[in-house]
Protein backbone atom coordinates (compact mmCIF):
# COMPACT_ATOMS: atom_id res chain seq x y z
CA UNK A 1 0.00 0.00 0.00
CA UNK A 2 1.31 3.44 -0.94
CA UNK A 3 2.28 6.04 1.62
CA UNK A 4 0.50 9.37 1.21
CA UNK A 5 1.88 12.63 2.59
CA UNK A 6 1.19 16.33 2.39
CA UNK A 7 4.16 18.60 1.94
CA UNK A 8 3.86 22.26 2.84
CA UNK A 9 6.31 24.37 0.88
CA UNK A 10 7.57 27.91 1.41
CA UNK A 11 9.13 29.57 -1.62
CA UNK A 12 11.07 32.74 -2.31
CA UNK A 13 8.81 35.72 -2.96
CA UNK A 14 7.68 35.82 -6.58
CA UNK A 15 8.84 32.27 -7.38
CA UNK A 16 5.83 30.20 -6.31
CA UNK A 17 4.51 29.59 -9.83
CA UNK A 18 7.94 28.57 -11.08
CA UNK A 19 8.33 26.04 -8.22
CA UNK A 20 4.80 24.72 -8.84
CA UNK A 21 5.59 24.06 -12.50
CA UNK A 22 8.66 22.05 -11.50
CA UNK A 23 6.69 20.05 -8.93
CA UNK A 24 3.97 19.17 -11.47
CA UNK A 25 6.57 17.14 -13.38
CA UNK A 26 7.44 14.92 -10.42
CA UNK A 27 5.70 11.53 -10.63
CA UNK A 28 5.23 11.38 -6.85
CA UNK A 29 3.12 14.56 -6.84
CA UNK A 30 -0.55 13.61 -7.17
CA UNK A 31 -2.12 17.02 -6.40
CA UNK A 32 -0.74 20.51 -6.05
CA UNK A 33 -2.36 23.70 -4.78
CA UNK A 34 -0.99 27.21 -4.39
CA UNK A 35 -2.28 28.49 -1.06
CA UNK A 36 -2.27 31.62 1.11
CA UNK A 37 -0.83 31.73 4.61
CA UNK A 38 2.56 30.85 6.07
CA UNK A 39 3.16 28.36 3.24
CA UNK A 40 2.85 28.94 -0.50
CA UNK A 41 2.21 25.46 -1.88
CA UNK A 42 0.69 22.24 -0.57
CA UNK A 43 1.55 19.07 -2.46
CA UNK A 44 -0.09 15.70 -1.99
CA UNK A 45 2.46 13.00 -2.74
CA UNK A 46 2.48 9.21 -2.83
CA UNK A 47 5.50 6.97 -2.41
CA UNK A 48 6.06 3.28 -1.79
CA UNK A 49 7.18 3.73 1.84
CA UNK A 50 8.82 6.09 4.34
CA UNK A 51 12.30 5.50 2.89
CA UNK A 52 11.15 6.50 -0.58
CA UNK A 53 9.36 9.55 0.86
CA UNK A 54 12.52 10.64 2.69
CA UNK A 55 14.60 10.14 -0.43
CA UNK A 56 12.14 12.13 -2.56
CA UNK A 57 12.07 15.05 -0.11
CA UNK A 58 15.83 15.21 0.49
CA UNK A 59 17.20 14.36 -2.95
CA UNK A 60 14.55 15.89 -5.22
CA UNK A 61 12.21 18.36 -3.56
CA UNK A 62 14.62 20.27 -1.34
CA UNK A 63 17.05 20.70 -4.23
CA UNK A 64 14.52 22.65 -6.32
CA UNK A 65 15.59 26.26 -6.77
CA UNK A 66 13.60 28.84 -4.78
CA UNK A 67 12.28 26.42 -2.14
CA UNK A 68 13.16 27.86 1.25
CA UNK A 69 11.43 25.50 3.67
CA UNK A 70 9.32 22.34 3.63
CA UNK A 71 7.19 20.52 6.20
CA UNK A 72 6.32 16.90 5.44
CA UNK A 73 3.14 15.49 6.99
CA UNK A 74 2.70 11.73 6.35
CA UNK A 75 -0.87 10.48 6.53
CA UNK A 76 -1.50 7.87 9.18
CA UNK A 77 -4.43 5.54 9.42
CA UNK A 78 -6.15 5.49 12.76
CA UNK A 79 -7.96 2.24 13.51
CA UNK A 80 -11.13 2.52 15.60
PDB file of N, CA and C in Angstrom:
ATOM      1  N   UNK A   1       0.842  -1.181   0.000  1.00  0.00           N
ATOM      2  CA  UNK A   1       0.000   0.000   0.000  1.00  0.00           C
ATOM      3  C   UNK A   1       0.883   1.238   0.000  1.00  0.00           C
ATOM      4  N   UNK A   2       0.521   2.223  -0.791  1.00  0.00           N
ATOM      5  CA  UNK A   2       1.306   3.440  -0.940  1.00  0.00           C
ATOM      6  C   UNK A   2       1.206   4.314   0.306  1.00  0.00           C
ATOM      7  N   UNK A   3       2.252   5.079   0.536  1.00  0.00           N
ATOM      8  CA  UNK A   3       2.275   6.041   1.623  1.00  0.00           C
ATOM      9  C   UNK A   3       1.912   7.409   1.053  1.00  0.00           C
ATOM     10  N   UNK A   4       0.909   8.038   1.639  1.00  0.00           N
ATOM     11  CA  UNK A   4       0.500   9.371   1.209  1.00  0.00           C
ATOM     12  C   UNK A   4       1.020  10.381   2.221  1.00  0.00           C
ATOM     13  N   UNK A   5       1.431  11.558   1.714  1.00  0.00           N
ATOM     14  CA  UNK A   5       1.880  12.634   2.592  1.00  0.00           C
ATOM     15  C   UNK A   5       1.504  13.966   1.967  1.00  0.00           C
ATOM     16  N   UNK A   6       1.370  14.954   2.834  1.00  0.00           N
ATOM     17  CA  UNK A   6       1.186  16.331   2.392  1.00  0.00           C
ATOM     18  C   UNK A   6       2.471  17.075   2.708  1.00  0.00           C
ATOM     19  N   UNK A   7       2.948  17.826   1.732  1.00  0.00           N
ATOM     20  CA  UNK A   7       4.165  18.599   1.938  1.00  0.00           C
ATOM     21  C   UNK A   7       3.818  20.071   1.783  1.00  0.00           C
ATOM     22  N   UNK A   8       4.075  20.816   2.845  1.00  0.00           N
ATOM     23  CA  UNK A   8       3.864  22.259   2.841  1.00  0.00           C
ATOM     24  C   UNK A   8       5.172  22.905   2.430  1.00  0.00           C
ATOM     25  N   UNK A   9       5.097  23.822   1.484  1.00  0.00           N
ATOM     26  CA  UNK A   9       6.308  24.374   0.876  1.00  0.00           C
ATOM     27  C   UNK A   9       6.285  25.895   0.938  1.00  0.00           C
ATOM     28  N   UNK A  10       7.397  26.471   1.391  1.00  0.00           N
ATOM     29  CA  UNK A  10       7.573  27.908   1.413  1.00  0.00           C
ATOM     30  C   UNK A  10       8.600  28.253   0.349  1.00  0.00           C
ATOM     31  N   UNK A  11       8.250  29.193  -0.524  1.00  0.00           N
ATOM     32  CA  UNK A  11       9.133  29.568  -1.625  1.00  0.00           C
ATOM     33  C   UNK A  11       9.627  31.006  -1.470  1.00  0.00           C
ATOM     34  N   UNK A  12      10.630  31.350  -2.257  1.00  0.00           N
ATOM     35  CA  UNK A  12      11.066  32.739  -2.308  1.00  0.00           C
ATOM     36  C   UNK A  12       9.941  33.583  -2.895  1.00  0.00           C
ATOM     37  N   UNK A  13       9.854  34.817  -2.472  1.00  0.00           N
ATOM     38  CA  UNK A  13       8.812  35.724  -2.959  1.00  0.00           C
ATOM     39  C   UNK A  13       8.904  35.843  -4.478  1.00  0.00           C
ATOM     40  N   UNK A  14       7.757  35.685  -5.132  1.00  0.00           N
ATOM     41  CA  UNK A  14       7.682  35.819  -6.581  1.00  0.00           C
ATOM     42  C   UNK A  14       8.050  34.576  -7.364  1.00  0.00           C
ATOM     43  N   UNK A  15       8.392  33.483  -6.690  1.00  0.00           N
ATOM     44  CA  UNK A  15       8.843  32.271  -7.384  1.00  0.00           C
ATOM     45  C   UNK A  15       7.905  31.082  -7.205  1.00  0.00           C
ATOM     46  N   UNK A  16       6.745  31.296  -6.592  1.00  0.00           N
ATOM     47  CA  UNK A  16       5.828  30.197  -6.309  1.00  0.00           C
ATOM     48  C   UNK A  16       5.372  29.479  -7.572  1.00  0.00           C
ATOM     49  N   UNK A  17       4.981  30.214  -8.588  1.00  0.00           N
ATOM     50  CA  UNK A  17       4.507  29.591  -9.834  1.00  0.00           C
ATOM     51  C   UNK A  17       5.601  28.771 -10.500  1.00  0.00           C
ATOM     52  N   UNK A  18       6.809  29.280 -10.470  1.00  0.00           N
ATOM     53  CA  UNK A  18       7.940  28.572 -11.075  1.00  0.00           C
ATOM     54  C   UNK A  18       8.192  27.243 -10.342  1.00  0.00           C
ATOM     55  N   UNK A  19       8.153  27.264  -9.018  1.00  0.00           N
ATOM     56  CA  UNK A  19       8.332  26.044  -8.222  1.00  0.00           C
ATOM     57  C   UNK A  19       7.187  25.067  -8.503  1.00  0.00           C
ATOM     58  N   UNK A  20       5.958  25.575  -8.572  1.00  0.00           N
ATOM     59  CA  UNK A  20       4.796  24.723  -8.838  1.00  0.00           C
ATOM     60  C   UNK A  20       4.934  24.008 -10.181  1.00  0.00           C
ATOM     61  N   UNK A  21       5.409  24.693 -11.181  1.00  0.00           N
ATOM     62  CA  UNK A  21       5.592  24.064 -12.498  1.00  0.00           C
ATOM     63  C   UNK A  21       6.605  22.927 -12.431  1.00  0.00           C
ATOM     64  N   UNK A  22       7.657  23.110 -11.671  1.00  0.00           N
ATOM     65  CA  UNK A  22       8.656  22.048 -11.504  1.00  0.00           C
ATOM     66  C   UNK A  22       8.053  20.854 -10.772  1.00  0.00           C
ATOM     67  N   UNK A  23       7.295  21.126  -9.720  1.00  0.00           N
ATOM     68  CA  UNK A  23       6.685  20.053  -8.933  1.00  0.00           C
ATOM     69  C   UNK A  23       5.689  19.231  -9.742  1.00  0.00           C
ATOM     70  N   UNK A  24       4.967  19.876 -10.652  1.00  0.00           N
ATOM     71  CA  UNK A  24       3.971  19.168 -11.468  1.00  0.00           C
ATOM     72  C   UNK A  24       4.596  18.041 -12.286  1.00  0.00           C
ATOM     73  N   UNK A  25       5.888  18.141 -12.570  1.00  0.00           N
ATOM     74  CA  UNK A  25       6.571  17.135 -13.380  1.00  0.00           C
ATOM     75  C   UNK A  25       7.120  15.966 -12.570  1.00  0.00           C
ATOM     76  N   UNK A  26       6.960  16.011 -11.257  1.00  0.00           N
ATOM     77  CA  UNK A  26       7.444  14.923 -10.416  1.00  0.00           C
ATOM     78  C   UNK A  26       6.372  13.835 -10.329  1.00  0.00           C
ATOM     79  N   UNK A  27       6.715  12.591 -10.625  1.00  0.00           N
ATOM     80  CA  UNK A  27       5.701  11.531 -10.635  1.00  0.00           C
ATOM     81  C   UNK A  27       5.068  11.278  -9.267  1.00  0.00           C
ATOM     82  N   UNK A  28       5.766  11.591  -8.192  1.00  0.00           N
ATOM     83  CA  UNK A  28       5.230  11.376  -6.848  1.00  0.00           C
ATOM     84  C   UNK A  28       4.120  12.360  -6.482  1.00  0.00           C
ATOM     85  N   UNK A  29       4.095  13.511  -7.147  1.00  0.00           N
ATOM     86  CA  UNK A  29       3.120  14.559  -6.836  1.00  0.00           C
ATOM     87  C   UNK A  29       1.787  14.207  -7.495  1.00  0.00           C
ATOM     88  N   UNK A  30       0.770  13.995  -6.679  1.00  0.00           N
ATOM     89  CA  UNK A  30      -0.554  13.614  -7.171  1.00  0.00           C
ATOM     90  C   UNK A  30      -1.505  14.808  -7.239  1.00  0.00           C
ATOM     91  N   UNK A  31      -1.286  15.815  -6.401  1.00  0.00           N
ATOM     92  CA  UNK A  31      -2.118  17.019  -6.398  1.00  0.00           C
ATOM     93  C   UNK A  31      -1.258  18.157  -5.878  1.00  0.00           C
ATOM     94  N   UNK A  32      -1.535  19.344  -6.409  1.00  0.00           N
ATOM     95  CA  UNK A  32      -0.740  20.505  -6.054  1.00  0.00           C
ATOM     96  C   UNK A  32      -1.653  21.717  -5.992  1.00  0.00           C
ATOM     97  N   UNK A  33      -1.582  22.467  -4.906  1.00  0.00           N
ATOM     98  CA  UNK A  33      -2.361  23.695  -4.780  1.00  0.00           C
ATOM     99  C   UNK A  33      -1.461  24.825  -4.299  1.00  0.00           C
ATOM    100  N   UNK A  34      -1.628  25.992  -4.883  1.00  0.00           N
ATOM    101  CA  UNK A  34      -0.990  27.211  -4.390  1.00  0.00           C
ATOM    102  C   UNK A  34      -1.949  27.788  -3.360  1.00  0.00           C
ATOM    103  N   UNK A  35      -1.428  28.075  -2.173  1.00  0.00           N
ATOM    104  CA  UNK A  35      -2.275  28.486  -1.057  1.00  0.00           C
ATOM    105  C   UNK A  35      -1.789  29.811  -0.471  1.00  0.00           C
ATOM    106  N   UNK A  36      -2.636  30.404   0.387  1.00  0.00           N
ATOM    107  CA  UNK A  36      -2.275  31.616   1.113  1.00  0.00           C
ATOM    108  C   UNK A  36      -1.999  31.243   2.556  1.00  0.00           C
ATOM    109  N   UNK A  37      -1.151  31.997   3.214  1.00  0.00           N
ATOM    110  CA  UNK A  37      -0.826  31.733   4.610  1.00  0.00           C
ATOM    111  C   UNK A  37       0.669  31.624   4.774  1.00  0.00           C
ATOM    112  N   UNK A  38       1.121  30.947   5.826  1.00  0.00           N
ATOM    113  CA  UNK A  38       2.557  30.852   6.075  1.00  0.00           C
ATOM    114  C   UNK A  38       3.298  29.997   5.037  1.00  0.00           C
ATOM    115  N   UNK A  39       2.572  29.155   4.319  1.00  0.00           N
ATOM    116  CA  UNK A  39       3.157  28.355   3.236  1.00  0.00           C
ATOM    117  C   UNK A  39       2.545  28.787   1.916  1.00  0.00           C
ATOM    118  N   UNK A  40       3.274  28.511   0.829  1.00  0.00           N
ATOM    119  CA  UNK A  40       2.853  28.945  -0.499  1.00  0.00           C
ATOM    120  C   UNK A  40       2.230  27.829  -1.331  1.00  0.00           C
ATOM    121  N   UNK A  41       2.665  26.610  -1.085  1.00  0.00           N
ATOM    122  CA  UNK A  41       2.213  25.460  -1.879  1.00  0.00           C
ATOM    123  C   UNK A  41       1.944  24.296  -0.931  1.00  0.00           C
ATOM    124  N   UNK A  42       0.896  23.532  -1.240  1.00  0.00           N
ATOM    125  CA  UNK A  42       0.688  22.245  -0.566  1.00  0.00           C
ATOM    126  C   UNK A  42       0.651  21.177  -1.664  1.00  0.00           C
ATOM    127  N   UNK A  43       1.468  20.153  -1.476  1.00  0.00           N
ATOM    128  CA  UNK A  43       1.552  19.069  -2.457  1.00  0.00           C
ATOM    129  C   UNK A  43       1.138  17.764  -1.791  1.00  0.00           C
ATOM    130  N   UNK A  44       0.254  17.046  -2.438  1.00  0.00           N
ATOM    131  CA  UNK A  44      -0.091  15.697  -1.995  1.00  0.00           C
ATOM    132  C   UNK A  44       0.790  14.745  -2.787  1.00  0.00           C
ATOM    133  N   UNK A  45       1.547  13.918  -2.071  1.00  0.00           N
ATOM    134  CA  UNK A  45       2.465  13.002  -2.740  1.00  0.00           C
ATOM    135  C   UNK A  45       2.180  11.570  -2.312  1.00  0.00           C
ATOM    136  N   UNK A  46       2.579  10.636  -3.147  1.00  0.00           N
ATOM    137  CA  UNK A  46       2.481   9.211  -2.826  1.00  0.00           C
ATOM    138  C   UNK A  46       3.810   8.549  -3.163  1.00  0.00           C
ATOM    139  N   UNK A  47       4.294   7.751  -2.205  1.00  0.00           N
ATOM    140  CA  UNK A  47       5.500   6.970  -2.408  1.00  0.00           C
ATOM    141  C   UNK A  47       5.246   5.555  -1.917  1.00  0.00           C
ATOM    142  N   UNK A  48       6.198   4.681  -2.184  1.00  0.00           N
ATOM    143  CA  UNK A  48       6.055   3.277  -1.789  1.00  0.00           C
ATOM    144  C   UNK A  48       6.099   3.116  -0.267  1.00  0.00           C
ATOM    145  N   UNK A  49       7.000   3.871   0.385  1.00  0.00           N
ATOM    146  CA  UNK A  49       7.175   3.732   1.835  1.00  0.00           C
ATOM    147  C   UNK A  49       7.882   4.973   2.385  1.00  0.00           C
ATOM    148  N   UNK A  50       8.184   4.946   3.697  1.00  0.00           N
ATOM    149  CA  UNK A  50       8.821   6.088   4.339  1.00  0.00           C
ATOM    150  C   UNK A  50      10.222   6.360   3.773  1.00  0.00           C
ATOM    151  N   UNK A  51      10.955   5.311   3.453  1.00  0.00           N
ATOM    152  CA  UNK A  51      12.300   5.495   2.893  1.00  0.00           C
ATOM    153  C   UNK A  51      12.240   6.234   1.567  1.00  0.00           C
ATOM    154  N   UNK A  52      11.294   5.840   0.714  1.00  0.00           N
ATOM    155  CA  UNK A  52      11.149   6.500  -0.582  1.00  0.00           C
ATOM    156  C   UNK A  52      10.683   7.947  -0.407  1.00  0.00           C
ATOM    157  N   UNK A  53       9.815   8.186   0.575  1.00  0.00           N
ATOM    158  CA  UNK A  53       9.364   9.551   0.862  1.00  0.00           C
ATOM    159  C   UNK A  53      10.547  10.412   1.303  1.00  0.00           C
ATOM    160  N   UNK A  54      11.342   9.901   2.218  1.00  0.00           N
ATOM    161  CA  UNK A  54      12.516  10.643   2.692  1.00  0.00           C
ATOM    162  C   UNK A  54      13.466  10.950   1.543  1.00  0.00           C
ATOM    163  N   UNK A  55      13.704   9.961   0.713  1.00  0.00           N
ATOM    164  CA  UNK A  55      14.600  10.145  -0.430  1.00  0.00           C
ATOM    165  C   UNK A  55      14.056  11.207  -1.382  1.00  0.00           C
ATOM    166  N   UNK A  56      12.756  11.161  -1.653  1.00  0.00           N
ATOM    167  CA  UNK A  56      12.137  12.129  -2.558  1.00  0.00           C
ATOM    168  C   UNK A  56      12.256  13.551  -2.004  1.00  0.00           C
ATOM    169  N   UNK A  57      12.006  13.717  -0.722  1.00  0.00           N
ATOM    170  CA  UNK A  57      12.067  15.048  -0.114  1.00  0.00           C
ATOM    171  C   UNK A  57      13.503  15.579  -0.103  1.00  0.00           C
ATOM    172  N   UNK A  58      14.440  14.754   0.340  1.00  0.00           N
ATOM    173  CA  UNK A  58      15.827  15.209   0.492  1.00  0.00           C
ATOM    174  C   UNK A  58      16.556  15.346  -0.839  1.00  0.00           C
ATOM    175  N   UNK A  59      16.401  14.364  -1.711  1.00  0.00           N
ATOM    176  CA  UNK A  59      17.199  14.360  -2.947  1.00  0.00           C
ATOM    177  C   UNK A  59      16.542  15.077  -4.124  1.00  0.00           C
ATOM    178  N   UNK A  60      15.235  15.233  -4.096  1.00  0.00           N
ATOM    179  CA  UNK A  60      14.548  15.888  -5.216  1.00  0.00           C
ATOM    180  C   UNK A  60      13.950  17.230  -4.810  1.00  0.00           C
ATOM    181  N   UNK A  61      13.009  17.181  -3.883  1.00  0.00           N
ATOM    182  CA  UNK A  61      12.211  18.363  -3.558  1.00  0.00           C
ATOM    183  C   UNK A  61      13.053  19.497  -2.986  1.00  0.00           C
ATOM    184  N   UNK A  62      13.867  19.207  -1.991  1.00  0.00           N
ATOM    185  CA  UNK A  62      14.622  20.267  -1.338  1.00  0.00           C
ATOM    186  C   UNK A  62      15.770  20.810  -2.183  1.00  0.00           C
ATOM    187  N   UNK A  63      16.024  20.203  -3.309  1.00  0.00           N
ATOM    188  CA  UNK A  63      17.048  20.699  -4.234  1.00  0.00           C
ATOM    189  C   UNK A  63      16.475  21.603  -5.321  1.00  0.00           C
ATOM    190  N   UNK A  64      15.159  21.776  -5.329  1.00  0.00           N
ATOM    191  CA  UNK A  64      14.521  22.649  -6.322  1.00  0.00           C
ATOM    192  C   UNK A  64      14.844  24.098  -5.971  1.00  0.00           C
ATOM    193  N   UNK A  65      15.296  24.843  -6.974  1.00  0.00           N
ATOM    194  CA  UNK A  65      15.595  26.259  -6.771  1.00  0.00           C
ATOM    195  C   UNK A  65      14.369  26.980  -6.232  1.00  0.00           C
ATOM    196  N   UNK A  66      14.602  27.924  -5.343  1.00  0.00           N
ATOM    197  CA  UNK A  66      13.601  28.837  -4.777  1.00  0.00           C
ATOM    198  C   UNK A  66      12.743  28.234  -3.672  1.00  0.00           C
ATOM    199  N   UNK A  67      12.969  26.966  -3.312  1.00  0.00           N
ATOM    200  CA  UNK A  67      12.276  26.424  -2.144  1.00  0.00           C
ATOM    201  C   UNK A  67      13.108  26.789  -0.919  1.00  0.00           C
ATOM    202  N   UNK A  68      12.456  27.439   0.048  1.00  0.00           N
ATOM    203  CA  UNK A  68      13.163  27.857   1.247  1.00  0.00           C
ATOM    204  C   UNK A  68      12.946  26.908   2.422  1.00  0.00           C
ATOM    205  N   UNK A  69      11.756  26.333   2.513  1.00  0.00           N
ATOM    206  CA  UNK A  69      11.428  25.499   3.673  1.00  0.00           C
ATOM    207  C   UNK A  69      10.329  24.519   3.280  1.00  0.00           C
ATOM    208  N   UNK A  70      10.393  23.316   3.831  1.00  0.00           N
ATOM    209  CA  UNK A  70       9.317  22.338   3.633  1.00  0.00           C
ATOM    210  C   UNK A  70       8.919  21.730   4.971  1.00  0.00           C
ATOM    211  N   UNK A  71       7.678  21.294   5.054  1.00  0.00           N
ATOM    212  CA  UNK A  71       7.194  20.518   6.200  1.00  0.00           C
ATOM    213  C   UNK A  71       6.450  19.317   5.632  1.00  0.00           C
ATOM    214  N   UNK A  72       6.912  18.129   5.953  1.00  0.00           N
ATOM    215  CA  UNK A  72       6.320  16.903   5.442  1.00  0.00           C
ATOM    216  C   UNK A  72       5.400  16.299   6.495  1.00  0.00           C
ATOM    217  N   UNK A  73       4.162  16.022   6.093  1.00  0.00           N
ATOM    218  CA  UNK A  73       3.139  15.485   6.993  1.00  0.00           C
ATOM    219  C   UNK A  73       2.618  14.169   6.429  1.00  0.00           C
ATOM    220  N   UNK A  74       3.213  13.027   6.818  1.00  0.00           N
ATOM    221  CA  UNK A  74       2.702  11.731   6.350  1.00  0.00           C
ATOM    222  C   UNK A  74       1.306  11.473   6.903  1.00  0.00           C
ATOM    223  N   UNK A  75       0.477  10.848   6.095  1.00  0.00           N
ATOM    224  CA  UNK A  75      -0.871  10.478   6.525  1.00  0.00           C
ATOM    225  C   UNK A  75      -0.770   9.162   7.280  1.00  0.00           C
ATOM    226  N   UNK A  76      -1.441   9.117   8.423  1.00  0.00           N
ATOM    227  CA  UNK A  76      -1.497   7.872   9.175  1.00  0.00           C
ATOM    228  C   UNK A  76      -2.941   7.384   9.192  1.00  0.00           C
ATOM    229  N   UNK A  77      -3.089   6.108   9.339  1.00  0.00           N
ATOM    230  CA  UNK A  77      -4.433   5.541   9.421  1.00  0.00           C
ATOM    231  C   UNK A  77      -4.710   5.204  10.871  1.00  0.00           C
ATOM    232  N   UNK A  78      -5.769   5.746  11.380  1.00  0.00           N
ATOM    233  CA  UNK A  78      -6.147   5.485  12.760  1.00  0.00           C
ATOM    234  C   UNK A  78      -7.250   4.435  12.764  1.00  0.00           C
ATOM    235  N   UNK A  79      -6.964   3.325  13.406  1.00  0.00           N
ATOM    236  CA  UNK A  79      -7.960   2.242  13.507  1.00  0.00           C
ATOM    237  C   UNK A  79      -8.893   2.540  14.673  1.00  0.00           C
ATOM    238  N   UNK A  80     -10.201   2.304  14.480  1.00  0.00           N
ATOM    239  CA  UNK A  80     -11.132   2.520  15.600  1.00  0.00           C
ATOM    240  C   UNK A  80     -11.633   1.213  16.150  1.00  0.00           C
TER     241      UNK A  80
END
